[in-house]
Amino acid sequence: MGNVQVSKAILKAMRREAEASGKDVNGLFEEAAQRLLAHREVEELTHYGKSQGRRLGLKPSDVVRFVREDRNSSSYGDPRPPRQQ
């Protein structure tokens, strides 16, 4: 693992949090980094979805309708492909 520099105030706060939560500081930084990366991924997906919606001329209400229609379809929630008869 590489070294990372943070401000004294952040390190102090993370040490307090580690002590209060019973975790070590490295574990807290790992958790924080994972959450940051996941948040950024959601932001990127949101941006992509909005840009695609604008490109297609969709309104937010259209997206809500599409999701509801999909959820109401007979195959919603079943990840298996339809059975061949």
N, C-alpha and C. Protein backbone atom coordinates (compact mmCIF):
# COMPACT_ATOMS: atom_id res chain seq x y z
N MET A 1 0.84 -1.18 0.00
CA MET A 1 0.00 0.00 0.00
C MET A 1 0.88 1.23 0.00
N GLY A 2 0.49 2.23 -0.76
CA GLY A 2 1.27 3.46 -0.83
C GLY A 2 0.90 4.41 0.29
N ASN A 3 1.70 5.42 0.42
CA ASN A 3 1.44 6.44 1.44
C ASN A 3 0.57 7.54 0.87
N VAL A 4 -0.27 8.10 1.71
CA VAL A 4 -1.15 9.19 1.33
C VAL A 4 -1.00 10.28 2.37
N GLN A 5 -0.94 11.52 1.91
CA GLN A 5 -0.85 12.63 2.85
C GLN A 5 -2.22 13.29 2.98
N VAL A 6 -2.62 13.52 4.21
CA VAL A 6 -3.85 14.24 4.49
C VAL A 6 -3.54 15.32 5.52
N SER A 7 -4.45 16.27 5.61
CA SER A 7 -4.23 17.35 6.58
C SER A 7 -4.28 16.79 8.00
N LYS A 8 -3.67 17.52 8.92
CA LYS A 8 -3.67 17.09 10.32
C LYS A 8 -5.09 17.02 10.86
N ALA A 9 -5.94 17.95 10.43
CA ALA A 9 -7.32 17.97 10.91
C ALA A 9 -8.08 16.72 10.46
N ILE A 10 -7.88 16.31 9.22
CA ILE A 10 -8.55 15.11 8.71
C ILE A 10 -8.03 13.88 9.46
N LEU A 11 -6.73 13.79 9.62
CA LEU A 11 -6.15 12.64 10.31
C LEU A 11 -6.66 12.56 11.75
N LYS A 12 -6.73 13.70 12.40
CA LYS A 12 -7.22 13.75 13.78
C LYS A 12 -8.68 13.27 13.84
N ALA A 13 -9.49 13.74 12.92
CA ALA A 13 -10.90 13.34 12.88
C ALA A 13 -11.03 11.84 12.59
N MET A 14 -10.21 11.33 11.69
CA MET A 14 -10.26 9.91 11.36
C MET A 14 -9.79 9.06 12.54
N ARG A 15 -8.83 9.53 13.27
CA ARG A 15 -8.38 8.79 14.46
C ARG A 15 -9.48 8.74 15.51
N ARG A 16 -10.19 9.86 15.69
CA ARG A 16 -11.31 9.89 16.64
C ARG A 16 -12.40 8.91 16.19
N GLU A 17 -12.72 8.94 14.90
CA GLU A 17 -13.75 8.05 14.36
C GLU A 17 -13.32 6.58 14.49
N ALA A 18 -12.06 6.31 14.24
CA ALA A 18 -11.56 4.94 14.36
C ALA A 18 -11.71 4.45 15.79
N GLU A 19 -11.35 5.27 16.73
CA GLU A 19 -11.45 4.89 18.13
C GLU A 19 -12.92 4.67 18.52
N ALA A 20 -13.80 5.55 18.07
CA ALA A 20 -15.21 5.45 18.41
C ALA A 20 -15.87 4.23 17.76
N SER A 21 -15.42 3.87 16.57
CA SER A 21 -16.07 2.77 15.84
C SER A 21 -15.38 1.43 16.04
N GLY A 22 -14.22 1.45 16.67
CA GLY A 22 -13.49 0.21 16.88
C GLY A 22 -12.77 -0.29 15.64
N LYS A 23 -12.59 0.59 14.67
CA LYS A 23 -11.89 0.22 13.44
C LYS A 23 -10.52 0.88 13.44
N ASP A 24 -9.67 0.48 12.51
CA ASP A 24 -8.38 1.16 12.40
C ASP A 24 -8.49 2.27 11.34
N VAL A 25 -7.58 3.19 11.42
CA VAL A 25 -7.60 4.36 10.53
C VAL A 25 -7.48 3.93 9.07
N ASN A 26 -6.63 2.97 8.78
CA ASN A 26 -6.49 2.51 7.40
C ASN A 26 -7.80 1.96 6.86
N GLY A 27 -8.51 1.20 7.69
CA GLY A 27 -9.80 0.66 7.28
C GLY A 27 -10.81 1.75 7.00
N LEU A 28 -10.78 2.81 7.81
CA LEU A 28 -11.71 3.92 7.57
C LEU A 28 -11.38 4.65 6.27
N PHE A 29 -10.10 4.84 6.01
CA PHE A 29 -9.72 5.49 4.75
C PHE A 29 -10.11 4.63 3.55
N GLU A 30 -9.94 3.31 3.70
CA GLU A 30 -10.33 2.39 2.63
C GLU A 30 -11.84 2.49 2.37
N GLU A 31 -12.62 2.48 3.46
CA GLU A 31 -14.07 2.60 3.34
C GLU A 31 -14.46 3.93 2.68
N ALA A 32 -13.82 5.01 3.10
CA ALA A 32 -14.11 6.32 2.53
C ALA A 32 -13.77 6.36 1.04
N ALA A 33 -12.65 5.77 0.66
CA ALA A 33 -12.26 5.75 -0.75
C ALA A 33 -13.24 4.92 -1.57
N GLN A 34 -13.68 3.78 -1.04
CA GLN A 34 -14.65 2.95 -1.76
C GLN A 34 -15.97 3.70 -1.96
N ARG A 35 -16.41 4.39 -0.93
CA ARG A 35 -17.66 5.16 -1.05
C ARG A 35 -17.51 6.30 -2.06
N LEU A 36 -16.37 6.97 -2.04
CA LEU A 36 -16.13 8.04 -3.00
C LEU A 36 -16.18 7.51 -4.43
N LEU A 37 -15.50 6.41 -4.67
CA LEU A 37 -15.48 5.85 -6.02
C LEU A 37 -16.86 5.38 -6.46
N ALA A 38 -17.61 4.78 -5.56
CA ALA A 38 -18.98 4.35 -5.89
C ALA A 38 -19.86 5.56 -6.18
N HIS A 39 -19.70 6.61 -5.40
CA HIS A 39 -20.47 7.84 -5.61
C HIS A 39 -20.14 8.46 -6.97
N ARG A 40 -18.87 8.48 -7.32
CA ARG A 40 -18.46 9.03 -8.61
C ARG A 40 -19.05 8.21 -9.76
N GLU A 41 -19.09 6.89 -9.59
CA GLU A 41 -19.65 6.03 -10.63
C GLU A 41 -21.14 6.33 -10.83
N VAL A 42 -21.85 6.52 -9.72
CA VAL A 42 -23.27 6.87 -9.82
C VAL A 42 -23.43 8.23 -10.50
N GLU A 43 -22.57 9.18 -10.16
CA GLU A 43 -22.63 10.49 -10.81
C GLU A 43 -22.41 10.38 -12.32
N GLU A 44 -21.44 9.56 -12.72
CA GLU A 44 -21.16 9.37 -14.15
C GLU A 44 -22.35 8.73 -14.86
N LEU A 45 -22.95 7.71 -14.23
CA LEU A 45 -24.11 7.06 -14.82
C LEU A 45 -25.30 8.02 -14.92
N THR A 46 -25.47 8.85 -13.90
CA THR A 46 -26.55 9.84 -13.92
C THR A 46 -26.33 10.84 -15.04
N HIS A 47 -25.11 11.31 -15.19
CA HIS A 47 -24.79 12.25 -16.26
C HIS A 47 -25.05 11.62 -17.62
N TYR A 48 -24.62 10.37 -17.78
CA TYR A 48 -24.83 9.66 -19.04
C TYR A 48 -26.33 9.52 -19.33
N GLY A 49 -27.09 9.10 -18.32
CA GLY A 49 -28.52 8.93 -18.50
C GLY A 49 -29.21 10.23 -18.87
N LYS A 50 -28.84 11.31 -18.21
CA LYS A 50 -29.44 12.61 -18.52
C LYS A 50 -29.09 13.06 -19.93
N SER A 51 -27.83 12.86 -20.32
CA SER A 51 -27.44 13.28 -21.67
C SER A 51 -28.14 12.44 -22.73
N GLN A 52 -28.30 11.15 -22.48
CA GLN A 52 -29.02 10.29 -23.41
C GLN A 52 -30.49 10.70 -23.49
N GLY A 53 -31.07 11.02 -22.35
CA GLY A 53 -32.46 11.48 -22.32
C GLY A 53 -32.65 12.75 -23.12
N ARG A 54 -31.74 13.69 -22.96
CA ARG A 54 -31.81 14.95 -23.73
C ARG A 54 -31.67 14.67 -25.22
N ARG A 55 -30.72 13.80 -25.56
CA ARG A 55 -30.48 13.46 -26.96
C ARG A 55 -31.73 12.84 -27.59
N LEU A 56 -32.44 12.04 -26.82
CA LEU A 56 -33.64 11.37 -27.32
C LEU A 56 -34.91 12.20 -27.14
N GLY A 57 -34.77 13.34 -26.50
CA GLY A 57 -35.93 14.21 -26.29
C GLY A 57 -36.89 13.70 -25.23
N LEU A 58 -36.37 12.96 -24.26
CA LEU A 58 -37.21 12.42 -23.20
C LEU A 58 -37.33 13.38 -22.03
N LYS A 59 -38.48 13.32 -21.37
CA LYS A 59 -38.70 14.08 -20.14
C LYS A 59 -38.56 13.10 -18.97
N PRO A 60 -38.29 13.62 -17.76
CA PRO A 60 -38.22 12.72 -16.60
C PRO A 60 -39.48 11.86 -16.44
N SER A 61 -40.63 12.42 -16.75
CA SER A 61 -41.86 11.63 -16.62
C SER A 61 -41.88 10.46 -17.60
N ASP A 62 -41.23 10.61 -18.76
CA ASP A 62 -41.14 9.50 -19.70
C ASP A 62 -40.33 8.35 -19.09
N VAL A 63 -39.25 8.69 -18.43
CA VAL A 63 -38.39 7.68 -17.83
C VAL A 63 -39.15 6.94 -16.74
N VAL A 64 -39.88 7.68 -15.91
CA VAL A 64 -40.68 7.04 -14.86
C VAL A 64 -41.68 6.07 -15.47
N ARG A 65 -42.33 6.49 -16.54
CA ARG A 65 -43.30 5.63 -17.22
C ARG A 65 -42.63 4.37 -17.76
N PHE A 66 -41.46 4.53 -18.40
CA PHE A 66 -40.75 3.38 -18.94
C PHE A 66 -40.39 2.37 -17.85
N VAL A 67 -39.92 2.88 -16.72
CA VAL A 67 -39.54 1.99 -15.62
C VAL A 67 -40.77 1.27 -15.10
N ARG A 68 -41.87 2.00 -14.91
CA ARG A 68 -43.10 1.35 -14.43
C ARG A 68 -43.58 0.29 -15.40
N GLU A 69 -43.54 0.60 -16.69
CA GLU A 69 -43.98 -0.38 -17.68
C GLU A 69 -43.09 -1.62 -17.64
N ASP A 70 -41.80 -1.41 -17.51
CA ASP A 70 -40.88 -2.54 -17.45
C ASP A 70 -41.13 -3.38 -16.20
N ARG A 71 -41.35 -2.74 -15.09
CA ARG A 71 -41.59 -3.46 -13.84
C ARG A 71 -42.90 -4.24 -13.90
N ASN A 72 -43.85 -3.74 -14.63
CA ASN A 72 -45.14 -4.42 -14.75
C ASN A 72 -45.14 -5.54 -15.78
N SER A 73 -44.05 -5.64 -16.54
CA SER A 73 -43.99 -6.71 -17.54
C SER A 73 -43.90 -8.06 -16.83
N SER A 74 -44.28 -9.11 -17.51
CA SER A 74 -44.34 -10.43 -16.88
C SER A 74 -42.97 -10.98 -16.50
N SER A 75 -41.90 -10.51 -17.13
CA SER A 75 -40.57 -11.07 -16.85
C SER A 75 -39.79 -10.28 -15.80
N TYR A 76 -40.39 -9.22 -15.25
CA TYR A 76 -39.65 -8.40 -14.28
C TYR A 76 -39.28 -9.23 -13.05
N GLY A 77 -38.05 -9.09 -12.64
CA GLY A 77 -37.58 -9.74 -11.43
C GLY A 77 -37.09 -11.17 -11.64
N ASP A 78 -37.30 -11.73 -12.82
CA ASP A 78 -36.83 -13.08 -13.09
C ASP A 78 -35.67 -12.99 -14.07
N PRO A 79 -34.44 -13.19 -13.59
CA PRO A 79 -33.26 -13.01 -14.45
C PRO A 79 -33.09 -14.12 -15.49
N ARG A 80 -33.89 -15.19 -15.38
CA ARG A 80 -33.74 -16.30 -16.32
C ARG A 80 -34.37 -15.94 -17.66
N PRO A 81 -33.80 -16.41 -18.75
CA PRO A 81 -34.41 -16.17 -20.05
C PRO A 81 -35.73 -16.94 -20.16
N PRO A 82 -36.64 -16.48 -21.01
CA PRO A 82 -37.92 -17.20 -21.16
C PRO A 82 -37.67 -18.63 -21.61
N ARG A 83 -38.54 -19.55 -21.15
CA ARG A 83 -38.42 -20.96 -21.52
C ARG A 83 -38.87 -21.17 -22.95
N GLN A 84 -38.14 -22.03 -23.64
CA GLN A 84 -38.51 -22.42 -24.99
C GLN A 84 -39.59 -23.48 -24.92
N GLN A 85 -40.60 -23.35 -25.74
CA GLN A 85 -41.68 -24.36 -25.74
C GLN A 85 -41.68 -25.16 -27.00
